[in-house]
Amino acid sequence: QHRNKVSTAVVLTHRPTQVSASASEERSQARNAANALQRLRLRLALDMRTDPPPTAPSGLWRRRAKGGKMSVSDTHADLPALLAEALDWVWAIGDVKGASAALGVSSSQLVRLLAKEAAALERVNRLRASKGLGPLRNNR
Protein backbone atom coordinates (compact mmCIF):
# COMPACT_ATOMS: atom_id res chain seq x y z
CA GLN A 1 0.00 0.00 0.00
CA HIS A 2 1.29 3.38 -0.99
CA ARG A 3 0.40 6.35 1.12
CA ASN A 4 1.08 9.90 0.12
CA LYS A 5 3.73 11.28 2.38
CA VAL A 6 3.21 14.77 0.99
CA SER A 7 0.04 16.54 0.03
CA THR A 8 -0.53 16.55 -3.73
CA ALA A 9 -4.05 17.99 -3.69
CA VAL A 10 -4.69 21.08 -5.80
CA VAL A 11 -7.41 23.71 -5.36
CA LEU A 12 -7.86 26.36 -8.05
CA THR A 13 -10.05 29.45 -7.72
CA HIS A 14 -11.14 31.83 -10.47
CA ARG A 15 -10.75 35.08 -8.55
CA PRO A 16 -13.27 37.28 -10.42
CA THR A 17 -16.12 34.81 -9.81
CA GLN A 18 -14.82 32.85 -6.79
CA VAL A 19 -15.65 29.61 -8.63
CA SER A 20 -13.26 26.90 -7.48
CA ALA A 21 -12.37 23.31 -8.27
CA SER A 22 -10.09 20.76 -6.66
CA ALA A 23 -8.42 17.46 -7.42
CA SER A 24 -6.65 15.04 -5.11
CA GLU A 25 -7.15 11.60 -6.66
CA GLU A 26 -3.69 11.31 -8.25
CA ARG A 27 -0.34 10.87 -6.56
CA SER A 28 1.15 13.43 -8.94
CA GLN A 29 0.54 17.08 -8.15
CA ALA A 30 0.93 17.95 -11.84
CA ARG A 31 -1.87 15.53 -12.82
CA ASN A 32 -4.03 16.86 -9.98
CA ALA A 33 -3.41 20.40 -11.23
CA ALA A 34 -4.48 19.40 -14.75
CA ASN A 35 -7.62 17.68 -13.41
CA ALA A 36 -8.50 20.67 -11.23
CA LEU A 37 -8.02 23.06 -14.17
CA GLN A 38 -10.33 20.97 -16.38
CA ARG A 39 -12.97 20.91 -13.59
CA LEU A 40 -12.65 24.67 -13.07
CA ARG A 41 -13.07 25.30 -16.80
CA LEU A 42 -16.18 23.07 -16.83
CA ARG A 43 -17.69 24.89 -13.83
CA LEU A 44 -17.08 28.26 -15.45
CA ALA A 45 -18.59 26.98 -18.71
CA LEU A 46 -21.71 25.92 -16.82
CA ASP A 47 -22.08 28.97 -14.59
CA MET A 48 -21.06 31.94 -16.75
CA ARG A 49 -22.92 33.27 -19.80
CA THR A 50 -21.48 35.83 -22.21
CA ASP A 51 -22.94 39.29 -22.24
CA PRO A 52 -23.75 40.45 -24.88
CA PRO A 53 -24.84 37.16 -26.42
CA PRO A 54 -22.82 35.72 -29.31
CA THR A 55 -23.47 36.89 -32.86
CA ALA A 56 -21.57 34.20 -34.78
CA PRO A 57 -19.97 30.83 -33.96
CA SER A 58 -16.36 31.06 -32.79
CA GLY A 59 -13.39 29.86 -34.79
CA LEU A 60 -13.02 26.93 -32.39
CA TRP A 61 -16.65 25.95 -32.95
CA ARG A 62 -16.28 26.16 -36.74
CA ARG A 63 -13.13 24.02 -36.64
CA ARG A 64 -14.79 21.38 -34.46
CA ALA A 65 -18.18 21.32 -36.24
CA LYS A 66 -17.14 20.00 -39.63
CA GLY A 67 -19.98 19.07 -41.97
CA GLY A 68 -22.61 19.66 -39.28
CA LYS A 69 -21.05 17.14 -36.87
CA MET A 70 -19.46 18.07 -33.56
CA SER A 71 -16.29 16.16 -32.80
CA VAL A 72 -14.78 16.39 -29.30
CA SER A 73 -14.05 13.76 -26.65
CA ASP A 74 -15.28 13.90 -23.06
CA THR A 75 -11.76 14.63 -21.79
CA HIS A 76 -10.48 17.03 -24.45
CA ALA A 77 -9.34 20.48 -23.32
CA ASP A 78 -11.73 22.10 -25.86
CA LEU A 79 -14.86 20.59 -24.26
CA PRO A 80 -15.45 23.35 -21.66
CA ALA A 81 -15.19 26.14 -24.25
CA LEU A 82 -17.51 24.31 -26.65
CA LEU A 83 -20.04 23.63 -23.88
CA ALA A 84 -19.92 27.29 -22.83
CA GLU A 85 -20.52 28.41 -26.40
CA ALA A 86 -23.39 25.94 -26.87
CA LEU A 87 -25.01 27.09 -23.62
CA ASP A 88 -24.53 30.75 -24.56
CA TRP A 89 -26.41 30.14 -27.82
CA VAL A 90 -29.19 28.14 -26.17
CA TRP A 91 -29.68 30.93 -23.61
CA ALA A 92 -29.49 33.69 -26.24
CA ILE A 93 -31.99 32.07 -28.61
CA GLY A 94 -34.08 30.29 -26.02
CA ASP A 95 -34.23 26.83 -27.56
CA VAL A 96 -31.98 24.02 -28.74
CA LYS A 97 -33.35 23.89 -32.28
CA GLY A 98 -32.64 27.56 -32.95
CA ALA A 99 -29.23 27.37 -31.27
CA SER A 100 -28.24 24.32 -33.32
CA ALA A 101 -29.27 26.08 -36.55
CA ALA A 102 -27.23 29.16 -35.60
CA LEU A 103 -24.24 26.96 -34.76
CA GLY A 104 -24.48 24.92 -37.95
CA VAL A 105 -25.05 21.51 -36.34
CA SER A 106 -28.09 19.29 -35.97
CA SER A 107 -30.18 19.39 -32.81
CA SER A 108 -29.10 15.83 -32.01
CA GLN A 109 -25.42 16.82 -32.34
CA LEU A 110 -25.96 19.74 -29.97
CA VAL A 111 -27.81 17.55 -27.44
CA ARG A 112 -25.05 14.94 -27.70
CA LEU A 113 -22.47 17.63 -26.89
CA LEU A 114 -24.51 18.93 -23.94
CA ALA A 115 -24.92 15.35 -22.65
CA LYS A 116 -21.14 14.99 -22.32
CA GLU A 117 -21.57 17.00 -19.11
CA ALA A 118 -24.73 15.96 -17.25
CA ALA A 119 -25.01 19.36 -15.51
CA ALA A 120 -25.15 21.13 -18.90
CA LEU A 121 -28.03 18.98 -20.11
CA GLU A 122 -29.75 19.45 -16.74
CA ARG A 123 -29.54 23.25 -17.07
CA VAL A 124 -30.97 23.16 -20.58
CA ASN A 125 -33.78 20.91 -19.36
CA ARG A 126 -34.57 23.39 -16.57
CA LEU A 127 -34.79 26.15 -19.19
CA ARG A 128 -37.10 23.96 -21.28
CA ALA A 129 -39.26 23.16 -18.23
CA SER A 130 -39.66 26.88 -17.52
CA LYS A 131 -41.14 27.17 -21.04
CA GLY A 132 -43.44 24.19 -20.57
CA LEU A 133 -41.34 21.89 -22.76
CA GLY A 134 -40.37 18.31 -22.00
CA PRO A 135 -36.80 17.30 -21.14
CA LEU A 136 -34.17 16.32 -23.66
CA ARG A 137 -32.90 12.78 -23.27
CA ASN A 138 -29.32 11.64 -23.01
CA ASN A 139 -29.05 9.06 -25.82
CA ARG A 140 -25.31 8.55 -25.55
C-alpha atoms as a PDB file:
ATOM      1  CA  GLN A   1       0.000   0.000   0.000  1.00  0.00           C
ATOM      2  CA  HIS A   2       1.285   3.381  -0.994  1.00  0.00           C
ATOM      3  CA  ARG A   3       0.399   6.352   1.117  1.00  0.00           C
ATOM      4  CA  ASN A   4       1.077   9.899   0.124  1.00  0.00           C
ATOM      5  CA  LYS A   5       3.733  11.283   2.382  1.00  0.00           C
ATOM      6  CA  VAL A   6       3.209  14.768   0.989  1.00  0.00           C
ATOM      7  CA  SER A   7       0.044  16.541   0.032  1.00  0.00           C
ATOM      8  CA  THR A   8      -0.534  16.554  -3.725  1.00  0.00           C
ATOM      9  CA  ALA A   9      -4.055  17.993  -3.687  1.00  0.00           C
ATOM     10  CA  VAL A  10      -4.692  21.078  -5.799  1.00  0.00           C
ATOM     11  CA  VAL A  11      -7.413  23.707  -5.362  1.00  0.00           C
ATOM     12  CA  LEU A  12      -7.855  26.359  -8.053  1.00  0.00           C
ATOM     13  CA  THR A  13     -10.050  29.454  -7.724  1.00  0.00           C
ATOM     14  CA  HIS A  14     -11.143  31.829 -10.468  1.00  0.00           C
ATOM     15  CA  ARG A  15     -10.751  35.077  -8.551  1.00  0.00           C
ATOM     16  CA  PRO A  16     -13.269  37.277 -10.419  1.00  0.00           C
ATOM     17  CA  THR A  17     -16.116  34.814  -9.809  1.00  0.00           C
ATOM     18  CA  GLN A  18     -14.823  32.854  -6.787  1.00  0.00           C
ATOM     19  CA  VAL A  19     -15.649  29.613  -8.631  1.00  0.00           C
ATOM     20  CA  SER A  20     -13.265  26.898  -7.476  1.00  0.00           C
ATOM     21  CA  ALA A  21     -12.369  23.311  -8.269  1.00  0.00           C
ATOM     22  CA  SER A  22     -10.093  20.759  -6.662  1.00  0.00           C
ATOM     23  CA  ALA A  23      -8.417  17.460  -7.420  1.00  0.00           C
ATOM     24  CA  SER A  24      -6.649  15.039  -5.113  1.00  0.00           C
ATOM     25  CA  GLU A  25      -7.148  11.602  -6.662  1.00  0.00           C
ATOM     26  CA  GLU A  26      -3.689  11.309  -8.253  1.00  0.00           C
ATOM     27  CA  ARG A  27      -0.338  10.866  -6.556  1.00  0.00           C
ATOM     28  CA  SER A  28       1.148  13.428  -8.943  1.00  0.00           C
ATOM     29  CA  GLN A  29       0.544  17.083  -8.145  1.00  0.00           C
ATOM     30  CA  ALA A  30       0.927  17.946 -11.842  1.00  0.00           C
ATOM     31  CA  ARG A  31      -1.871  15.532 -12.820  1.00  0.00           C
ATOM     32  CA  ASN A  32      -4.032  16.858  -9.977  1.00  0.00           C
ATOM     33  CA  ALA A  33      -3.415  20.403 -11.234  1.00  0.00           C
ATOM     34  CA  ALA A  34      -4.479  19.400 -14.754  1.00  0.00           C
ATOM     35  CA  ASN A  35      -7.623  17.678 -13.409  1.00  0.00           C
ATOM     36  CA  ALA A  36      -8.496  20.672 -11.226  1.00  0.00           C
ATOM     37  CA  LEU A  37      -8.025  23.057 -14.167  1.00  0.00           C
ATOM     38  CA  GLN A  38     -10.333  20.969 -16.380  1.00  0.00           C
ATOM     39  CA  ARG A  39     -12.968  20.911 -13.589  1.00  0.00           C
ATOM     40  CA  LEU A  40     -12.649  24.667 -13.073  1.00  0.00           C
ATOM     41  CA  ARG A  41     -13.072  25.298 -16.798  1.00  0.00           C
ATOM     42  CA  LEU A  42     -16.185  23.072 -16.831  1.00  0.00           C
ATOM     43  CA  ARG A  43     -17.695  24.889 -13.833  1.00  0.00           C
ATOM     44  CA  LEU A  44     -17.077  28.259 -15.454  1.00  0.00           C
ATOM     45  CA  ALA A  45     -18.595  26.979 -18.709  1.00  0.00           C
ATOM     46  CA  LEU A  46     -21.711  25.916 -16.824  1.00  0.00           C
ATOM     47  CA  ASP A  47     -22.075  28.970 -14.587  1.00  0.00           C
ATOM     48  CA  MET A  48     -21.060  31.935 -16.750  1.00  0.00           C
ATOM     49  CA  ARG A  49     -22.924  33.273 -19.797  1.00  0.00           C
ATOM     50  CA  THR A  50     -21.477  35.834 -22.208  1.00  0.00           C
ATOM     51  CA  ASP A  51     -22.944  39.293 -22.238  1.00  0.00           C
ATOM     52  CA  PRO A  52     -23.747  40.453 -24.876  1.00  0.00           C
ATOM     53  CA  PRO A  53     -24.844  37.156 -26.422  1.00  0.00           C
ATOM     54  CA  PRO A  54     -22.815  35.722 -29.307  1.00  0.00           C
ATOM     55  CA  THR A  55     -23.472  36.885 -32.858  1.00  0.00           C
ATOM     56  CA  ALA A  56     -21.567  34.202 -34.784  1.00  0.00           C
ATOM     57  CA  PRO A  57     -19.974  30.832 -33.955  1.00  0.00           C
ATOM     58  CA  SER A  58     -16.357  31.065 -32.790  1.00  0.00           C
ATOM     59  CA  GLY A  59     -13.386  29.855 -34.794  1.00  0.00           C
ATOM     60  CA  LEU A  60     -13.015  26.931 -32.387  1.00  0.00           C
ATOM     61  CA  TRP A  61     -16.649  25.948 -32.946  1.00  0.00           C
ATOM     62  CA  ARG A  62     -16.284  26.165 -36.735  1.00  0.00           C
ATOM     63  CA  ARG A  63     -13.125  24.015 -36.638  1.00  0.00           C
ATOM     64  CA  ARG A  64     -14.791  21.377 -34.457  1.00  0.00           C
ATOM     65  CA  ALA A  65     -18.184  21.316 -36.238  1.00  0.00           C
ATOM     66  CA  LYS A  66     -17.140  19.995 -39.630  1.00  0.00           C
ATOM     67  CA  GLY A  67     -19.979  19.067 -41.966  1.00  0.00           C
ATOM     68  CA  GLY A  68     -22.606  19.664 -39.279  1.00  0.00           C
ATOM     69  CA  LYS A  69     -21.046  17.142 -36.870  1.00  0.00           C
ATOM     70  CA  MET A  70     -19.464  18.067 -33.564  1.00  0.00           C
ATOM     71  CA  SER A  71     -16.287  16.164 -32.796  1.00  0.00           C
ATOM     72  CA  VAL A  72     -14.785  16.394 -29.301  1.00  0.00           C
ATOM     73  CA  SER A  73     -14.054  13.756 -26.652  1.00  0.00           C
ATOM     74  CA  ASP A  74     -15.277  13.898 -23.062  1.00  0.00           C
ATOM     75  CA  THR A  75     -11.760  14.626 -21.791  1.00  0.00           C
ATOM     76  CA  HIS A  76     -10.484  17.035 -24.454  1.00  0.00           C
ATOM     77  CA  ALA A  77      -9.342  20.478 -23.317  1.00  0.00           C
ATOM     78  CA  ASP A  78     -11.727  22.103 -25.855  1.00  0.00           C
ATOM     79  CA  LEU A  79     -14.855  20.592 -24.259  1.00  0.00           C
ATOM     80  CA  PRO A  80     -15.450  23.353 -21.662  1.00  0.00           C
ATOM     81  CA  ALA A  81     -15.185  26.143 -24.250  1.00  0.00           C
ATOM     82  CA  LEU A  82     -17.509  24.307 -26.647  1.00  0.00           C
ATOM     83  CA  LEU A  83     -20.042  23.634 -23.876  1.00  0.00           C
ATOM     84  CA  ALA A  84     -19.917  27.292 -22.833  1.00  0.00           C
ATOM     85  CA  GLU A  85     -20.523  28.411 -26.397  1.00  0.00           C
ATOM     86  CA  ALA A  86     -23.391  25.942 -26.868  1.00  0.00           C
ATOM     87  CA  LEU A  87     -25.015  27.093 -23.617  1.00  0.00           C
ATOM     88  CA  ASP A  88     -24.527  30.754 -24.563  1.00  0.00           C
ATOM     89  CA  TRP A  89     -26.408  30.139 -27.816  1.00  0.00           C
ATOM     90  CA  VAL A  90     -29.187  28.141 -26.166  1.00  0.00           C
ATOM     91  CA  TRP A  91     -29.683  30.934 -23.608  1.00  0.00           C
ATOM     92  CA  ALA A  92     -29.489  33.694 -26.236  1.00  0.00           C
ATOM     93  CA  ILE A  93     -31.990  32.065 -28.610  1.00  0.00           C
ATOM     94  CA  GLY A  94     -34.079  30.293 -26.017  1.00  0.00           C
ATOM     95  CA  ASP A  95     -34.225  26.833 -27.561  1.00  0.00           C
ATOM     96  CA  VAL A  96     -31.983  24.017 -28.736  1.00  0.00           C
ATOM     97  CA  LYS A  97     -33.348  23.888 -32.282  1.00  0.00           C
ATOM     98  CA  GLY A  98     -32.640  27.563 -32.952  1.00  0.00           C
ATOM     99  CA  ALA A  99     -29.232  27.367 -31.271  1.00  0.00           C
ATOM    100  CA  SER A 100     -28.240  24.322 -33.319  1.00  0.00           C
ATOM    101  CA  ALA A 101     -29.269  26.077 -36.545  1.00  0.00           C
ATOM    102  CA  ALA A 102     -27.229  29.158 -35.604  1.00  0.00           C
ATOM    103  CA  LEU A 103     -24.237  26.963 -34.763  1.00  0.00           C
ATOM    104  CA  GLY A 104     -24.478  24.917 -37.951  1.00  0.00           C
ATOM    105  CA  VAL A 105     -25.053  21.514 -36.343  1.00  0.00           C
ATOM    106  CA  SER A 106     -28.092  19.293 -35.974  1.00  0.00           C
ATOM    107  CA  SER A 107     -30.178  19.387 -32.809  1.00  0.00           C
ATOM    108  CA  SER A 108     -29.105  15.832 -32.012  1.00  0.00           C
ATOM    109  CA  GLN A 109     -25.420  16.819 -32.336  1.00  0.00           C
ATOM    110  CA  LEU A 110     -25.963  19.741 -29.970  1.00  0.00           C
ATOM    111  CA  VAL A 111     -27.811  17.554 -27.445  1.00  0.00           C
ATOM    112  CA  ARG A 112     -25.055  14.935 -27.699  1.00  0.00           C
ATOM    113  CA  LEU A 113     -22.469  17.630 -26.891  1.00  0.00           C
ATOM    114  CA  LEU A 114     -24.515  18.927 -23.937  1.00  0.00           C
ATOM    115  CA  ALA A 115     -24.922  15.354 -22.652  1.00  0.00           C
ATOM    116  CA  LYS A 116     -21.135  14.991 -22.321  1.00  0.00           C
ATOM    117  CA  GLU A 117     -21.572  17.002 -19.111  1.00  0.00           C
ATOM    118  CA  ALA A 118     -24.731  15.965 -17.249  1.00  0.00           C
ATOM    119  CA  ALA A 119     -25.006  19.358 -15.514  1.00  0.00           C
ATOM    120  CA  ALA A 120     -25.150  21.130 -18.904  1.00  0.00           C
ATOM    121  CA  LEU A 121     -28.032  18.980 -20.106  1.00  0.00           C
ATOM    122  CA  GLU A 122     -29.751  19.451 -16.736  1.00  0.00           C
ATOM    123  CA  ARG A 123     -29.539  23.252 -17.075  1.00  0.00           C
ATOM    124  CA  VAL A 124     -30.975  23.160 -20.584  1.00  0.00           C
ATOM    125  CA  ASN A 125     -33.781  20.907 -19.359  1.00  0.00           C
ATOM    126  CA  ARG A 126     -34.567  23.391 -16.573  1.00  0.00           C
ATOM    127  CA  LEU A 127     -34.789  26.151 -19.189  1.00  0.00           C
ATOM    128  CA  ARG A 128     -37.102  23.963 -21.280  1.00  0.00           C
ATOM    129  CA  ALA A 129     -39.263  23.158 -18.229  1.00  0.00           C
ATOM    130  CA  SER A 130     -39.659  26.884 -17.522  1.00  0.00           C
ATOM    131  CA  LYS A 131     -41.143  27.173 -21.038  1.00  0.00           C
ATOM    132  CA  GLY A 132     -43.442  24.194 -20.570  1.00  0.00           C
ATOM    133  CA  LEU A 133     -41.336  21.887 -22.763  1.00  0.00           C
ATOM    134  CA  GLY A 134     -40.368  18.306 -21.997  1.00  0.00           C
ATOM    135  CA  PRO A 135     -36.801  17.295 -21.137  1.00  0.00           C
ATOM    136  CA  LEU A 136     -34.172  16.324 -23.660  1.00  0.00           C
ATOM    137  CA  ARG A 137     -32.898  12.780 -23.270  1.00  0.00           C
ATOM    138  CA  ASN A 138     -29.320  11.644 -23.011  1.00  0.00           C
ATOM    139  CA  ASN A 139     -29.053   9.060 -25.816  1.00  0.00           C
ATOM    140  CA  ARG A 140     -25.308   8.546 -25.553  1.00  0.00           C
END
